[in-house]
Amino acid sequence: GIAINSIKTIEREFIRIVIGSLSNRQKKVLLYLVESEEEVSATKFIQGLMNGAGCSESTLWNVVRCLKKRGLVDFANGTKSIQLTVVGKIISEKVKNG
């Protein structure tokens, strides 16, 4: 089998690759979700971000949809609050803490 040290090395490398593939906007959205304690729909989340994000609503929707496709966030249109997935939480914490 694979040694525990090898698994940890693979995990670290995977996280590094995922973080490296994220745009700055994607990282900002993940960090905002980490710091957000309020459960809101994706629509309300994006409306709240528009004030400080410096980009359009359509751009933010594209960012959020891309994060969903990557399995980092989850939401259902209008019926479920936007939230980080387990993998999204791991990636977000690594982005936050460097």
C-alpha atoms as a PDB file:
ATOM      1  CA  GLY A   1       0.000   0.000   0.000  1.00  0.00           C
ATOM      2  CA  ILE A   2       0.873   3.654  -0.042  1.00  0.00           C
ATOM      3  CA  ALA A   3       2.675   4.947   3.039  1.00  0.00           C
ATOM      4  CA  ILE A   4       0.954   7.594   5.190  1.00  0.00           C
ATOM      5  CA  ASN A   5       3.728  10.095   4.386  1.00  0.00           C
ATOM      6  CA  SER A   6       3.073   9.570   0.676  1.00  0.00           C
ATOM      7  CA  ILE A   7      -0.639  10.203   1.159  1.00  0.00           C
ATOM      8  CA  LYS A   8       0.088  13.439   3.059  1.00  0.00           C
ATOM      9  CA  THR A   9       2.470  14.528   0.295  1.00  0.00           C
ATOM     10  CA  ILE A  10      -0.141  13.781  -2.369  1.00  0.00           C
ATOM     11  CA  GLU A  11      -2.774  15.668  -0.361  1.00  0.00           C
ATOM     12  CA  ARG A  12      -0.533  18.734   0.003  1.00  0.00           C
ATOM     13  CA  GLU A  13       0.286  18.675  -3.707  1.00  0.00           C
ATOM     14  CA  PHE A  14      -3.393  18.329  -4.654  1.00  0.00           C
ATOM     15  CA  ILE A  15      -4.310  21.314  -2.458  1.00  0.00           C
ATOM     16  CA  ARG A  16      -1.441  23.357  -3.936  1.00  0.00           C
ATOM     17  CA  ILE A  17      -2.599  22.564  -7.492  1.00  0.00           C
ATOM     18  CA  VAL A  18      -6.238  23.424  -6.745  1.00  0.00           C
ATOM     19  CA  ILE A  19      -5.322  26.716  -5.075  1.00  0.00           C
ATOM     20  CA  GLY A  20      -2.959  27.562  -7.925  1.00  0.00           C
ATOM     21  CA  SER A  21      -5.753  27.050 -10.441  1.00  0.00           C
ATOM     22  CA  LEU A  22      -8.147  29.453  -8.690  1.00  0.00           C
ATOM     23  CA  SER A  23      -8.490  33.037  -9.867  1.00  0.00           C
ATOM     24  CA  ASN A  24      -8.156  35.881  -7.379  1.00  0.00           C
ATOM     25  CA  ARG A  25     -11.919  36.447  -7.575  1.00  0.00           C
ATOM     26  CA  GLN A  26     -12.592  32.779  -6.834  1.00  0.00           C
ATOM     27  CA  LYS A  27     -10.280  32.959  -3.817  1.00  0.00           C
ATOM     28  CA  LYS A  28     -12.034  36.109  -2.580  1.00  0.00           C
ATOM     29  CA  VAL A  29     -15.445  34.462  -2.860  1.00  0.00           C
ATOM     30  CA  LEU A  30     -14.202  31.410  -0.935  1.00  0.00           C
ATOM     31  CA  LEU A  31     -12.728  33.635   1.789  1.00  0.00           C
ATOM     32  CA  TYR A  32     -15.952  35.618   2.005  1.00  0.00           C
ATOM     33  CA  LEU A  33     -17.883  32.362   2.472  1.00  0.00           C
ATOM     34  CA  VAL A  34     -15.462  31.221   5.198  1.00  0.00           C
ATOM     35  CA  GLU A  35     -15.968  34.476   7.089  1.00  0.00           C
ATOM     36  CA  SER A  36     -19.715  34.661   6.483  1.00  0.00           C
ATOM     37  CA  GLU A  37     -21.692  33.293   9.401  1.00  0.00           C
ATOM     38  CA  GLU A  38     -25.069  34.016   7.853  1.00  0.00           C
ATOM     39  CA  GLU A  39     -26.883  31.377   5.812  1.00  0.00           C
ATOM     40  CA  VAL A  40     -28.238  33.020   2.675  1.00  0.00           C
ATOM     41  CA  SER A  41     -29.277  31.977  -0.795  1.00  0.00           C
ATOM     42  CA  ALA A  42     -26.739  32.263  -3.600  1.00  0.00           C
ATOM     43  CA  THR A  43     -28.672  35.248  -4.944  1.00  0.00           C
ATOM     44  CA  LYS A  44     -28.504  37.151  -1.645  1.00  0.00           C
ATOM     45  CA  PHE A  45     -24.858  36.161  -1.226  1.00  0.00           C
ATOM     46  CA  ILE A  46     -23.988  37.622  -4.634  1.00  0.00           C
ATOM     47  CA  GLN A  47     -26.030  40.773  -4.004  1.00  0.00           C
ATOM     48  CA  GLY A  48     -24.097  41.254  -0.766  1.00  0.00           C
ATOM     49  CA  LEU A  49     -20.776  40.770  -2.538  1.00  0.00           C
ATOM     50  CA  MET A  50     -21.528  43.225  -5.340  1.00  0.00           C
ATOM     51  CA  ASN A  51     -20.879  46.241  -3.116  1.00  0.00           C
ATOM     52  CA  GLY A  52     -17.290  45.354  -2.264  1.00  0.00           C
ATOM     53  CA  ALA A  53     -16.248  43.048  -5.089  1.00  0.00           C
ATOM     54  CA  GLY A  54     -15.762  45.659  -7.767  1.00  0.00           C
ATOM     55  CA  CYS A  55     -17.297  43.476 -10.465  1.00  0.00           C
ATOM     56  CA  SER A  56     -20.678  42.860 -12.029  1.00  0.00           C
ATOM     57  CA  GLU A  57     -23.391  40.513 -10.861  1.00  0.00           C
ATOM     58  CA  SER A  58     -22.916  38.324 -13.950  1.00  0.00           C
ATOM     59  CA  THR A  59     -19.194  38.010 -13.213  1.00  0.00           C
ATOM     60  CA  LEU A  60     -19.928  36.944  -9.643  1.00  0.00           C
ATOM     61  CA  TRP A  61     -22.476  34.376 -10.861  1.00  0.00           C
ATOM     62  CA  ASN A  62     -19.836  32.969 -13.221  1.00  0.00           C
ATOM     63  CA  VAL A  63     -17.348  32.727 -10.351  1.00  0.00           C
ATOM     64  CA  VAL A  64     -19.854  30.996  -8.056  1.00  0.00           C
ATOM     65  CA  ARG A  65     -20.973  28.563 -10.773  1.00  0.00           C
ATOM     66  CA  CYS A  66     -17.363  27.686 -11.540  1.00  0.00           C
ATOM     67  CA  LEU A  67     -16.699  27.009  -7.838  1.00  0.00           C
ATOM     68  CA  LYS A  68     -19.788  24.795  -7.801  1.00  0.00           C
ATOM     69  CA  LYS A  69     -18.562  22.843 -10.846  1.00  0.00           C
ATOM     70  CA  ARG A  70     -15.239  22.317  -9.070  1.00  0.00           C
ATOM     71  CA  GLY A  71     -17.078  20.945  -6.047  1.00  0.00           C
ATOM     72  CA  LEU A  72     -15.997  23.722  -3.698  1.00  0.00           C
ATOM     73  CA  VAL A  73     -19.419  25.272  -3.042  1.00  0.00           C
ATOM     74  CA  ASP A  74     -22.942  23.949  -3.163  1.00  0.00           C
ATOM     75  CA  PHE A  75     -26.317  25.587  -3.634  1.00  0.00           C
ATOM     76  CA  ALA A  76     -29.574  24.951  -5.415  1.00  0.00           C
ATOM     77  CA  ASN A  77     -31.198  27.824  -7.243  1.00  0.00           C
ATOM     78  CA  GLY A  78     -33.380  29.662  -4.771  1.00  0.00           C
ATOM     79  CA  THR A  79     -33.988  26.733  -2.445  1.00  0.00           C
ATOM     80  CA  LYS A  80     -30.781  26.232  -0.507  1.00  0.00           C
ATOM     81  CA  SER A  81     -28.242  28.482   1.131  1.00  0.00           C
ATOM     82  CA  ILE A  82     -24.848  28.685  -0.514  1.00  0.00           C
ATOM     83  CA  GLN A  83     -22.217  26.822   1.467  1.00  0.00           C
ATOM     84  CA  LEU A  84     -18.726  25.437   1.233  1.00  0.00           C
ATOM     85  CA  THR A  85     -18.397  21.720   0.618  1.00  0.00           C
ATOM     86  CA  VAL A  86     -15.981  19.670   2.740  1.00  0.00           C
ATOM     87  CA  VAL A  87     -13.296  20.089   0.073  1.00  0.00           C
ATOM     88  CA  GLY A  88     -14.201  23.766  -0.237  1.00  0.00           C
ATOM     89  CA  LYS A  89     -13.654  24.240   3.497  1.00  0.00           C
ATOM     90  CA  ILE A  90     -10.207  22.632   3.304  1.00  0.00           C
ATOM     91  CA  ILE A  91      -9.183  24.715   0.284  1.00  0.00           C
ATOM     92  CA  SER A  92     -10.596  27.921   1.801  1.00  0.00           C
ATOM     93  CA  GLU A  93      -8.730  27.436   5.057  1.00  0.00           C
ATOM     94  CA  LYS A  94      -5.473  26.885   3.144  1.00  0.00           C
ATOM     95  CA  VAL A  95      -6.113  30.033   1.079  1.00  0.00           C
ATOM     96  CA  LYS A  96      -6.903  31.964   4.265  1.00  0.00           C
ATOM     97  CA  ASN A  97      -3.878  30.756   6.228  1.00  0.00           C
ATOM     98  CA  GLY A  98      -1.423  30.677   3.337  1.00  0.00           C
END
